[in-house]
Amino acid sequence: MLRVQKVKVDEIYVPTARKKTLHPETVRHLAEDILENGMKTPIQVRHDGKRHILVEGLHRLEAAKWLGETEIEAYLVQAKRH
């Protein structure tokens, strides 16, 4: 079973290919929803021994940054590199 843990947003590496899928308007809408309702689903990260790497949840991560959050809830998953 996956456990939710807090991860510092500035310690999460976002692969370049993932950054290309970012839609600023989606981030804005999601940030508004998070303000009203809270974060509903944790992001997913994997750890490569040195840092956390984003697996799922780019827009949620960016919305948290936009809101000034320093930590975000995340599932630590075992995932292969893309």
PDB file of N, CA and C in Angstrom:
ATOM      1  N   MET A   1       0.823  -1.177   0.000  1.00  0.00           N
ATOM      2  CA  MET A   1       0.000   0.000   0.000  1.00  0.00           C
ATOM      3  C   MET A   1       0.873   1.248   0.000  1.00  0.00           C
ATOM      4  N   LEU A   2       0.485   2.220  -0.791  1.00  0.00           N
ATOM      5  CA  LEU A   2       1.252   3.454  -0.870  1.00  0.00           C
ATOM      6  C   LEU A   2       0.983   4.334   0.340  1.00  0.00           C
ATOM      7  N   ARG A   3       2.045   4.970   0.814  1.00  0.00           N
ATOM      8  CA  ARG A   3       1.933   5.889   1.930  1.00  0.00           C
ATOM      9  C   ARG A   3       2.180   7.307   1.445  1.00  0.00           C
ATOM     10  N   VAL A   4       1.402   8.221   1.942  1.00  0.00           N
ATOM     11  CA  VAL A   4       1.583   9.625   1.594  1.00  0.00           C
ATOM     12  C   VAL A   4       2.682  10.200   2.473  1.00  0.00           C
ATOM     13  N   GLN A   5       3.587  10.963   1.863  1.00  0.00           N
ATOM     14  CA  GLN A   5       4.617  11.646   2.629  1.00  0.00           C
ATOM     15  C   GLN A   5       4.752  13.074   2.113  1.00  0.00           C
ATOM     16  N   LYS A   6       5.258  13.943   2.936  1.00  0.00           N
ATOM     17  CA  LYS A   6       5.485  15.330   2.544  1.00  0.00           C
ATOM     18  C   LYS A   6       6.864  15.433   1.895  1.00  0.00           C
ATOM     19  N   VAL A   7       6.909  16.123   0.743  1.00  0.00           N
ATOM     20  CA  VAL A   7       8.160  16.328   0.017  1.00  0.00           C
ATOM     21  C   VAL A   7       8.286  17.824  -0.256  1.00  0.00           C
ATOM     22  N   LYS A   8       9.475  18.371  -0.102  1.00  0.00           N
ATOM     23  CA  LYS A   8       9.696  19.783  -0.397  1.00  0.00           C
ATOM     24  C   LYS A   8       9.598  19.998  -1.909  1.00  0.00           C
ATOM     25  N   VAL A   9       8.803  20.979  -2.317  1.00  0.00           N
ATOM     26  CA  VAL A   9       8.568  21.190  -3.749  1.00  0.00           C
ATOM     27  C   VAL A   9       9.846  21.558  -4.488  1.00  0.00           C
ATOM     28  N   ASP A  10      10.768  22.250  -3.827  1.00  0.00           N
ATOM     29  CA  ASP A  10      11.996  22.645  -4.517  1.00  0.00           C
ATOM     30  C   ASP A  10      13.015  21.514  -4.617  1.00  0.00           C
ATOM     31  N   GLU A  11      12.691  20.350  -4.048  1.00  0.00           N
ATOM     32  CA  GLU A  11      13.575  19.189  -4.136  1.00  0.00           C
ATOM     33  C   GLU A  11      13.047  18.143  -5.121  1.00  0.00           C
ATOM     34  N   ILE A  12      12.019  18.505  -5.877  1.00  0.00           N
ATOM     35  CA  ILE A  12      11.448  17.575  -6.862  1.00  0.00           C
ATOM     36  C   ILE A  12      11.950  17.959  -8.245  1.00  0.00           C
ATOM     37  N   TYR A  13      12.619  17.021  -8.886  1.00  0.00           N
ATOM     38  CA  TYR A  13      13.125  17.240 -10.243  1.00  0.00           C
ATOM     39  C   TYR A  13      12.034  16.880 -11.243  1.00  0.00           C
ATOM     40  N   VAL A  14      11.799  17.771 -12.192  1.00  0.00           N
ATOM     41  CA  VAL A  14      10.823  17.523 -13.247  1.00  0.00           C
ATOM     42  C   VAL A  14      11.590  17.290 -14.546  1.00  0.00           C
ATOM     43  N   PRO A  15      11.515  16.086 -15.118  1.00  0.00           N
ATOM     44  CA  PRO A  15      12.217  15.813 -16.370  1.00  0.00           C
ATOM     45  C   PRO A  15      11.792  16.787 -17.476  1.00  0.00           C
ATOM     46  N   THR A  16      12.723  17.142 -18.332  1.00  0.00           N
ATOM     47  CA  THR A  16      12.483  18.111 -19.402  1.00  0.00           C
ATOM     48  C   THR A  16      11.290  17.726 -20.264  1.00  0.00           C
ATOM     49  N   ALA A  17      11.167  16.467 -20.600  1.00  0.00           N
ATOM     50  CA  ALA A  17      10.042  16.027 -21.440  1.00  0.00           C
ATOM     51  C   ALA A  17       8.704  16.278 -20.755  1.00  0.00           C
ATOM     52  N   ARG A  18       8.682  16.178 -19.433  1.00  0.00           N
ATOM     53  CA  ARG A  18       7.441  16.425 -18.687  1.00  0.00           C
ATOM     54  C   ARG A  18       7.088  17.907 -18.715  1.00  0.00           C
ATOM     55  N   LYS A  19       8.107  18.776 -18.612  1.00  0.00           N
ATOM     56  CA  LYS A  19       7.876  20.221 -18.595  1.00  0.00           C
ATOM     57  C   LYS A  19       7.178  20.694 -19.866  1.00  0.00           C
ATOM     58  N   LYS A  20       7.418  20.009 -20.962  1.00  0.00           N
ATOM     59  CA  LYS A  20       6.830  20.401 -22.253  1.00  0.00           C
ATOM     60  C   LYS A  20       5.318  20.199 -22.276  1.00  0.00           C
ATOM     61  N   THR A  21       4.789  19.419 -21.343  1.00  0.00           N
ATOM     62  CA  THR A  21       3.350  19.141 -21.324  1.00  0.00           C
ATOM     63  C   THR A  21       2.589  20.101 -20.408  1.00  0.00           C
ATOM     64  N   LEU A  22       3.290  21.093 -19.867  1.00  0.00           N
ATOM     65  CA  LEU A  22       2.683  22.027 -18.919  1.00  0.00           C
ATOM     66  C   LEU A  22       1.757  23.021 -19.617  1.00  0.00           C
ATOM     67  N   HIS A  23       0.546  23.190 -19.065  1.00  0.00           N
ATOM     68  CA  HIS A  23      -0.435  24.153 -19.576  1.00  0.00           C
ATOM     69  C   HIS A  23      -0.722  25.151 -18.454  1.00  0.00           C
ATOM     70  N   PRO A  24      -0.217  26.398 -18.570  1.00  0.00           N
ATOM     71  CA  PRO A  24      -0.384  27.402 -17.508  1.00  0.00           C
ATOM     72  C   PRO A  24      -1.839  27.646 -17.099  1.00  0.00           C
ATOM     73  N   GLU A  25      -2.756  27.606 -18.037  1.00  0.00           N
ATOM     74  CA  GLU A  25      -4.166  27.838 -17.705  1.00  0.00           C
ATOM     75  C   GLU A  25      -4.697  26.722 -16.795  1.00  0.00           C
ATOM     76  N   THR A  26      -4.266  25.492 -17.049  1.00  0.00           N
ATOM     77  CA  THR A  26      -4.662  24.370 -16.202  1.00  0.00           C
ATOM     78  C   THR A  26      -4.114  24.554 -14.788  1.00  0.00           C
ATOM     79  N   VAL A  27      -2.877  25.040 -14.694  1.00  0.00           N
ATOM     80  CA  VAL A  27      -2.266  25.282 -13.382  1.00  0.00           C
ATOM     81  C   VAL A  27      -3.086  26.316 -12.616  1.00  0.00           C
ATOM     82  N   ARG A  28      -3.486  27.387 -13.279  1.00  0.00           N
ATOM     83  CA  ARG A  28      -4.264  28.441 -12.621  1.00  0.00           C
ATOM     84  C   ARG A  28      -5.590  27.908 -12.099  1.00  0.00           C
ATOM     85  N   HIS A  29      -6.312  27.160 -12.945  1.00  0.00           N
ATOM     86  CA  HIS A  29      -7.601  26.594 -12.526  1.00  0.00           C
ATOM     87  C   HIS A  29      -7.416  25.613 -11.366  1.00  0.00           C
ATOM     88  N   LEU A  30      -6.390  24.799 -11.449  1.00  0.00           N
ATOM     89  CA  LEU A  30      -6.123  23.822 -10.405  1.00  0.00           C
ATOM     90  C   LEU A  30      -5.759  24.519  -9.095  1.00  0.00           C
ATOM     91  N   ALA A  31      -4.979  25.585  -9.174  1.00  0.00           N
ATOM     92  CA  ALA A  31      -4.612  26.344  -7.970  1.00  0.00           C
ATOM     93  C   ALA A  31      -5.861  26.910  -7.289  1.00  0.00           C
ATOM     94  N   GLU A  32      -6.787  27.424  -8.083  1.00  0.00           N
ATOM     95  CA  GLU A  32      -8.037  27.944  -7.527  1.00  0.00           C
ATOM     96  C   GLU A  32      -8.821  26.838  -6.827  1.00  0.00           C
ATOM     97  N   ASP A  33      -8.865  25.664  -7.444  1.00  0.00           N
ATOM     98  CA  ASP A  33      -9.571  24.528  -6.860  1.00  0.00           C
ATOM     99  C   ASP A  33      -8.897  24.068  -5.562  1.00  0.00           C
ATOM    100  N   ILE A  34      -7.572  24.068  -5.545  1.00  0.00           N
ATOM    101  CA  ILE A  34      -6.840  23.662  -4.340  1.00  0.00           C
ATOM    102  C   ILE A  34      -7.124  24.642  -3.202  1.00  0.00           C
ATOM    103  N   LEU A  35      -7.198  25.937  -3.527  1.00  0.00           N
ATOM    104  CA  LEU A  35      -7.526  26.932  -2.491  1.00  0.00           C
ATOM    105  C   LEU A  35      -8.892  26.670  -1.880  1.00  0.00           C
ATOM    106  N   GLU A  36      -9.851  26.301  -2.712  1.00  0.00           N
ATOM    107  CA  GLU A  36     -11.220  26.075  -2.247  1.00  0.00           C
ATOM    108  C   GLU A  36     -11.407  24.720  -1.577  1.00  0.00           C
ATOM    109  N   ASN A  37     -10.793  23.682  -2.140  1.00  0.00           N
ATOM    110  CA  ASN A  37     -11.086  22.316  -1.706  1.00  0.00           C
ATOM    111  C   ASN A  37      -9.894  21.525  -1.173  1.00  0.00           C
ATOM    112  N   GLY A  38      -8.703  22.066  -1.265  1.00  0.00           N
ATOM    113  CA  GLY A  38      -7.510  21.332  -0.848  1.00  0.00           C
ATOM    114  C   GLY A  38      -7.027  20.393  -1.942  1.00  0.00           C
ATOM    115  N   MET A  39      -5.835  19.861  -1.741  1.00  0.00           N
ATOM    116  CA  MET A  39      -5.260  18.914  -2.693  1.00  0.00           C
ATOM    117  C   MET A  39      -5.960  17.577  -2.514  1.00  0.00           C
ATOM    118  N   LYS A  40      -6.603  17.097  -3.572  1.00  0.00           N
ATOM    119  CA  LYS A  40      -7.390  15.863  -3.476  1.00  0.00           C
ATOM    120  C   LYS A  40      -6.551  14.609  -3.676  1.00  0.00           C
ATOM    121  N   THR A  41      -5.582  14.677  -4.572  1.00  0.00           N
ATOM    122  CA  THR A  41      -4.782  13.503  -4.910  1.00  0.00           C
ATOM    123  C   THR A  41      -3.299  13.853  -4.824  1.00  0.00           C
ATOM    124  N   PRO A  42      -2.529  13.106  -4.033  1.00  0.00           N
ATOM    125  CA  PRO A  42      -1.090  13.370  -3.963  1.00  0.00           C
ATOM    126  C   PRO A  42      -0.412  13.130  -5.310  1.00  0.00           C
ATOM    127  N   ILE A  43       0.705  13.826  -5.542  1.00  0.00           N
ATOM    128  CA  ILE A  43       1.492  13.568  -6.735  1.00  0.00           C
ATOM    129  C   ILE A  43       2.244  12.257  -6.532  1.00  0.00           C
ATOM    130  N   GLN A  44       2.909  11.771  -7.569  1.00  0.00           N
ATOM    131  CA  GLN A  44       3.727  10.562  -7.459  1.00  0.00           C
ATOM    132  C   GLN A  44       5.159  10.922  -7.814  1.00  0.00           C
ATOM    133  N   VAL A  45       6.085  10.483  -6.958  1.00  0.00           N
ATOM    134  CA  VAL A  45       7.503  10.696  -7.204  1.00  0.00           C
ATOM    135  C   VAL A  45       8.243   9.387  -6.992  1.00  0.00           C
ATOM    136  N   ARG A  46       9.405   9.298  -7.582  1.00  0.00           N
ATOM    137  CA  ARG A  46      10.306   8.183  -7.293  1.00  0.00           C
ATOM    138  C   ARG A  46      11.598   8.785  -6.784  1.00  0.00           C
ATOM    139  N   HIS A  47      12.377   7.997  -6.076  1.00  0.00           N
ATOM    140  CA  HIS A  47      13.637   8.493  -5.535  1.00  0.00           C
ATOM    141  C   HIS A  47      14.767   7.710  -6.179  1.00  0.00           C
ATOM    142  N   ASP A  48      15.747   8.438  -6.733  1.00  0.00           N
ATOM    143  CA  ASP A  48      16.850   7.753  -7.419  1.00  0.00           C
ATOM    144  C   ASP A  48      18.097   7.642  -6.549  1.00  0.00           C
ATOM    145  N   GLY A  49      17.930   7.874  -5.246  1.00  0.00           N
ATOM    146  CA  GLY A  49      19.068   7.805  -4.337  1.00  0.00           C
ATOM    147  C   GLY A  49      19.603   9.182  -3.985  1.00  0.00           C
ATOM    148  N   LYS A  50      19.348  10.173  -4.857  1.00  0.00           N
ATOM    149  CA  LYS A  50      19.827  11.530  -4.609  1.00  0.00           C
ATOM    150  C   LYS A  50      18.700  12.545  -4.521  1.00  0.00           C
ATOM    151  N   ARG A  51      17.644  12.315  -5.302  1.00  0.00           N
ATOM    152  CA  ARG A  51      16.570  13.306  -5.372  1.00  0.00           C
ATOM    153  C   ARG A  51      15.250  12.643  -5.707  1.00  0.00           C
ATOM    154  N   HIS A  52      14.174  13.399  -5.499  1.00  0.00           N
ATOM    155  CA  HIS A  52      12.849  12.931  -5.901  1.00  0.00           C
ATOM    156  C   HIS A  52      12.616  13.362  -7.351  1.00  0.00           C
ATOM    157  N   ILE A  53      12.062  12.467  -8.135  1.00  0.00           N
ATOM    158  CA  ILE A  53      11.776  12.738  -9.550  1.00  0.00           C
ATOM    159  C   ILE A  53      10.282  12.571  -9.767  1.00  0.00           C
ATOM    160  N   LEU A  54       9.680  13.571 -10.395  1.00  0.00           N
ATOM    161  CA  LEU A  54       8.240  13.547 -10.626  1.00  0.00           C
ATOM    162  C   LEU A  54       7.864  12.423 -11.587  1.00  0.00           C
ATOM    163  N   VAL A  55       6.851  11.654 -11.217  1.00  0.00           N
ATOM    164  CA  VAL A  55       6.310  10.604 -12.077  1.00  0.00           C
ATOM    165  C   VAL A  55       4.943  11.049 -12.607  1.00  0.00           C
ATOM    166  N   GLU A  56       4.067  11.527 -11.716  1.00  0.00           N
ATOM    167  CA  GLU A  56       2.737  12.013 -12.087  1.00  0.00           C
ATOM    168  C   GLU A  56       2.384  13.220 -11.236  1.00  0.00           C
ATOM    169  N   GLY A  57       1.720  14.208 -11.843  1.00  0.00           N
ATOM    170  CA  GLY A  57       1.210  15.332 -11.074  1.00  0.00           C
ATOM    171  C   GLY A  57       1.879  16.661 -11.362  1.00  0.00           C
ATOM    172  N   LEU A  58       2.341  16.865 -12.592  1.00  0.00           N
ATOM    173  CA  LEU A  58       3.025  18.106 -12.949  1.00  0.00           C
ATOM    174  C   LEU A  58       2.178  19.334 -12.655  1.00  0.00           C
ATOM    175  N   HIS A  59       0.916  19.322 -13.062  1.00  0.00           N
ATOM    176  CA  HIS A  59       0.065  20.490 -12.864  1.00  0.00           C
ATOM    177  C   HIS A  59      -0.235  20.736 -11.386  1.00  0.00           C
ATOM    178  N   ARG A  60      -0.384  19.666 -10.609  1.00  0.00           N
ATOM    179  CA  ARG A  60      -0.587  19.821  -9.169  1.00  0.00           C
ATOM    180  C   ARG A  60       0.655  20.402  -8.504  1.00  0.00           C
ATOM    181  N   LEU A  61       1.835  19.925  -8.922  1.00  0.00           N
ATOM    182  CA  LEU A  61       3.090  20.446  -8.384  1.00  0.00           C
ATOM    183  C   LEU A  61       3.232  21.928  -8.705  1.00  0.00           C
ATOM    184  N   GLU A  62       2.993  22.298  -9.959  1.00  0.00           N
ATOM    185  CA  GLU A  62       3.130  23.698 -10.357  1.00  0.00           C
ATOM    186  C   GLU A  62       2.084  24.581  -9.681  1.00  0.00           C
ATOM    187  N   ALA A  63       0.882  24.054  -9.465  1.00  0.00           N
ATOM    188  CA  ALA A  63      -0.152  24.813  -8.752  1.00  0.00           C
ATOM    189  C   ALA A  63       0.281  25.051  -7.308  1.00  0.00           C
ATOM    190  N   ALA A  64       0.867  24.049  -6.679  1.00  0.00           N
ATOM    191  CA  ALA A  64       1.350  24.201  -5.306  1.00  0.00           C
ATOM    192  C   ALA A  64       2.446  25.268  -5.245  1.00  0.00           C
ATOM    193  N   LYS A  65       3.349  25.249  -6.220  1.00  0.00           N
ATOM    194  CA  LYS A  65       4.394  26.273  -6.279  1.00  0.00           C
ATOM    195  C   LYS A  65       3.768  27.652  -6.458  1.00  0.00           C
ATOM    196  N   TRP A  66       2.796  27.750  -7.352  1.00  0.00           N
ATOM    197  CA  TRP A  66       2.119  29.018  -7.643  1.00  0.00           C
ATOM    198  C   TRP A  66       1.450  29.575  -6.393  1.00  0.00           C
ATOM    199  N   LEU A  67       0.956  28.673  -5.541  1.00  0.00           N
ATOM    200  CA  LEU A  67       0.302  29.080  -4.295  1.00  0.00           C
ATOM    201  C   LEU A  67       1.298  29.375  -3.171  1.00  0.00           C
ATOM    202  N   GLY A  68       2.575  29.157  -3.441  1.00  0.00           N
ATOM    203  CA  GLY A  68       3.599  29.441  -2.437  1.00  0.00           C
ATOM    204  C   GLY A  68       3.840  28.321  -1.442  1.00  0.00           C
ATOM    205  N   GLU A  69       3.343  27.131  -1.760  1.00  0.00           N
ATOM    206  CA  GLU A  69       3.547  25.989  -0.861  1.00  0.00           C
ATOM    207  C   GLU A  69       5.021  25.573  -0.888  1.00  0.00           C
ATOM    208  N   THR A  70       5.531  25.145   0.247  1.00  0.00           N
ATOM    209  CA  THR A  70       6.915  24.678   0.309  1.00  0.00           C
ATOM    210  C   THR A  70       6.996  23.152   0.322  1.00  0.00           C
ATOM    211  N   GLU A  71       5.883  22.501   0.673  1.00  0.00           N
ATOM    212  CA  GLU A  71       5.817  21.039   0.682  1.00  0.00           C
ATOM    213  C   GLU A  71       4.538  20.592  -0.007  1.00  0.00           C
ATOM    214  N   ILE A  72       4.582  19.357  -0.513  1.00  0.00           N
ATOM    215  CA  ILE A  72       3.423  18.785  -1.173  1.00  0.00           C
ATOM    216  C   ILE A  72       3.319  17.314  -0.775  1.00  0.00           C
ATOM    217  N   GLU A  73       2.093  16.815  -0.688  1.00  0.00           N
ATOM    218  CA  GLU A  73       1.906  15.400  -0.379  1.00  0.00           C
ATOM    219  C   GLU A  73       2.205  14.581  -1.628  1.00  0.00           C
ATOM    220  N   ALA A  74       2.935  13.489  -1.426  1.00  0.00           N
ATOM    221  CA  ALA A  74       3.347  12.652  -2.555  1.00  0.00           C
ATOM    222  C   ALA A  74       3.365  11.184  -2.164  1.00  0.00           C
ATOM    223  N   TYR A  75       3.083  10.354  -3.150  1.00  0.00           N
ATOM    224  CA  TYR A  75       3.291   8.918  -3.015  1.00  0.00           C
ATOM    225  C   TYR A  75       4.690   8.620  -3.547  1.00  0.00           C
ATOM    226  N   LEU A  76       5.467   7.861  -2.813  1.00  0.00           N
ATOM    227  CA  LEU A  76       6.767   7.405  -3.280  1.00  0.00           C
ATOM    228  C   LEU A  76       6.530   6.078  -3.987  1.00  0.00           C
ATOM    229  N   VAL A  77       6.791   6.058  -5.290  1.00  0.00           N
ATOM    230  CA  VAL A  77       6.500   4.871  -6.087  1.00  0.00           C
ATOM    231  C   VAL A  77       7.772   4.296  -6.687  1.00  0.00           C
ATOM    232  N   GLN A  78       7.708   3.040  -7.053  1.00  0.00           N
ATOM    233  CA  GLN A  78       8.791   2.391  -7.794  1.00  0.00           C
ATOM    234  C   GLN A  78       8.410   2.503  -9.259  1.00  0.00           C
ATOM    235  N   ALA A  79       9.147   3.296 -10.007  1.00  0.00           N
ATOM    236  CA  ALA A  79       8.818   3.494 -11.414  1.00  0.00           C
ATOM    237  C   ALA A  79      10.080   3.437 -12.249  1.00  0.00           C
ATOM    238  N   LYS A  80       9.910   2.966 -13.453  1.00  0.00           N
ATOM    239  CA  LYS A  80      11.042   2.943 -14.384  1.00  0.00           C
ATOM    240  C   LYS A  80      11.241   4.326 -14.972  1.00  0.00           C
ATOM    241  N   ARG A  81      12.426   4.573 -15.430  1.00  0.00           N
ATOM    242  CA  ARG A  81      12.712   5.837 -16.088  1.00  0.00           C
ATOM    243  C   ARG A  81      11.956   5.886 -17.395  1.00  0.00           C
ATOM    244  N   HIS A  82      11.604   7.092 -17.800  1.00  0.00           N
ATOM    245  CA  HIS A  82      10.904   7.271 -19.074  1.00  0.00           C
ATOM    246  C   HIS A  82      11.898   7.314 -20.201  1.00  0.00           C
TER     247      HIS A  82
END
